[in-house]
Amino acid sequence: MPHTRSAKKNLRKSEKRRLHNRAVKRDIKTQIKRFLAALDGPVDQLQKEYNLAAKKLDKAAARRIVHPNLAARKKAQLARRLHNKTTGKPA
């Protein structure tokens, strides 16, 4: 346990940040699952889900909640699936 006032404050800040980061990561995972579920539906709905997922990934990467390379990799994977769906190629 922390002893000094500044250490106690840093503990409170880090706990608050940890909870916020977990919530953001959970939102990203949920949005990716929504995108994958929308693969069976119409293309316009799939495009909307992709845009939301890419936006959440970009914001999290900009704030360093997730690594920028992870965000780029996930966006590329989703974009590949979206492209295959729009062009009619098998997944």
Protein backbone atom coordinates (compact mmCIF):
# COMPACT_ATOMS: atom_id res chain seq x y z
CA MET A 1 0.00 0.00 0.00
CA PRO A 2 1.19 3.54 -0.71
CA HIS A 3 2.38 5.71 2.14
CA THR A 4 2.83 9.20 0.71
CA ARG A 5 0.01 11.43 -0.43
CA SER A 6 1.24 11.50 -4.02
CA ALA A 7 1.50 7.71 -4.13
CA LYS A 8 -2.06 7.40 -2.83
CA LYS A 9 -3.27 9.82 -5.47
CA ASN A 10 -1.39 7.96 -8.21
CA LEU A 11 -3.01 4.72 -7.07
CA ARG A 12 -6.46 6.29 -7.38
CA LYS A 13 -5.62 7.69 -10.83
CA SER A 14 -4.22 4.43 -12.13
CA GLU A 15 -7.26 2.48 -10.94
CA LYS A 16 -9.59 4.95 -12.63
CA ARG A 17 -7.56 4.78 -15.87
CA ARG A 18 -7.45 0.97 -15.74
CA LEU A 19 -11.25 0.77 -15.52
CA HIS A 20 -11.66 3.25 -18.35
CA ASN A 21 -9.19 1.39 -20.58
CA ARG A 22 -10.96 -1.91 -19.90
CA ALA A 23 -14.29 -0.34 -20.90
CA VAL A 24 -12.83 1.02 -24.14
CA LYS A 25 -11.30 -2.36 -25.03
CA ARG A 26 -14.59 -4.09 -24.28
CA ASP A 27 -16.41 -1.64 -26.59
CA ILE A 28 -13.95 -2.40 -29.37
CA LYS A 29 -14.40 -6.15 -29.00
CA THR A 30 -18.19 -5.76 -28.95
CA GLN A 31 -18.10 -3.66 -32.12
CA ILE A 32 -15.91 -6.22 -33.90
CA LYS A 33 -18.37 -8.96 -32.92
CA ARG A 34 -21.22 -6.84 -34.31
CA PHE A 35 -19.32 -6.49 -37.57
CA LEU A 36 -18.77 -10.24 -37.78
CA ALA A 37 -22.45 -10.86 -37.07
CA ALA A 38 -23.40 -8.39 -39.83
CA LEU A 39 -21.46 -10.41 -42.43
CA ASP A 40 -24.65 -12.38 -43.13
CA GLY A 41 -26.76 -9.26 -43.65
CA PRO A 42 -26.84 -6.49 -46.26
CA VAL A 43 -23.68 -4.73 -47.39
CA ASP A 44 -24.76 -1.25 -46.27
CA GLN A 45 -25.23 -2.44 -42.68
CA LEU A 46 -21.85 -4.16 -42.85
CA GLN A 47 -20.25 -0.91 -44.04
CA LYS A 48 -21.80 0.98 -41.09
CA GLU A 49 -20.48 -1.58 -38.61
CA TYR A 50 -17.03 -1.43 -40.20
CA ASN A 51 -16.96 2.37 -39.97
CA LEU A 52 -17.87 2.27 -36.27
CA ALA A 53 -15.27 -0.41 -35.53
CA ALA A 54 -12.56 1.49 -37.39
CA LYS A 55 -13.46 4.70 -35.59
CA LYS A 56 -13.26 3.06 -32.16
CA LEU A 57 -9.96 1.40 -33.04
CA ASP A 58 -8.48 4.67 -34.29
CA LYS A 59 -9.54 6.59 -31.18
CA ALA A 60 -8.15 3.94 -28.85
CA ALA A 61 -4.88 3.84 -30.79
CA ALA A 62 -4.58 7.63 -30.72
CA ARG A 63 -4.91 7.56 -26.93
CA ARG A 64 -2.54 4.56 -26.72
CA ILE A 65 -5.19 2.38 -25.06
CA VAL A 66 -4.33 -0.22 -27.69
CA HIS A 67 -1.13 -0.37 -29.72
CA PRO A 68 -1.41 1.44 -33.08
CA ASN A 69 -0.18 -1.66 -34.92
CA LEU A 70 -2.96 -3.73 -33.34
CA ALA A 71 -5.53 -1.19 -34.51
CA ALA A 72 -4.10 -1.20 -38.04
CA ARG A 73 -4.04 -4.99 -38.14
CA LYS A 74 -7.65 -5.33 -36.93
CA LYS A 75 -8.84 -2.70 -39.41
CA ALA A 76 -7.07 -4.52 -42.25
CA GLN A 77 -8.66 -7.84 -41.26
CA LEU A 78 -12.12 -6.28 -41.14
CA ALA A 79 -11.56 -4.40 -44.40
CA ARG A 80 -10.52 -7.62 -46.12
CA ARG A 81 -13.76 -9.30 -45.05
CA LEU A 82 -15.79 -6.27 -46.14
CA HIS A 83 -14.06 -6.24 -49.54
CA ASN A 84 -14.68 -9.97 -50.04
CA LYS A 85 -18.34 -9.48 -49.19
CA THR A 86 -18.78 -6.56 -51.61
CA THR A 87 -16.94 -8.20 -54.51
CA GLY A 88 -18.57 -11.59 -53.97
CA LYS A 89 -15.37 -13.51 -53.35
CA PRO A 90 -15.49 -16.37 -50.80
CA ALA A 91 -14.22 -15.53 -47.32
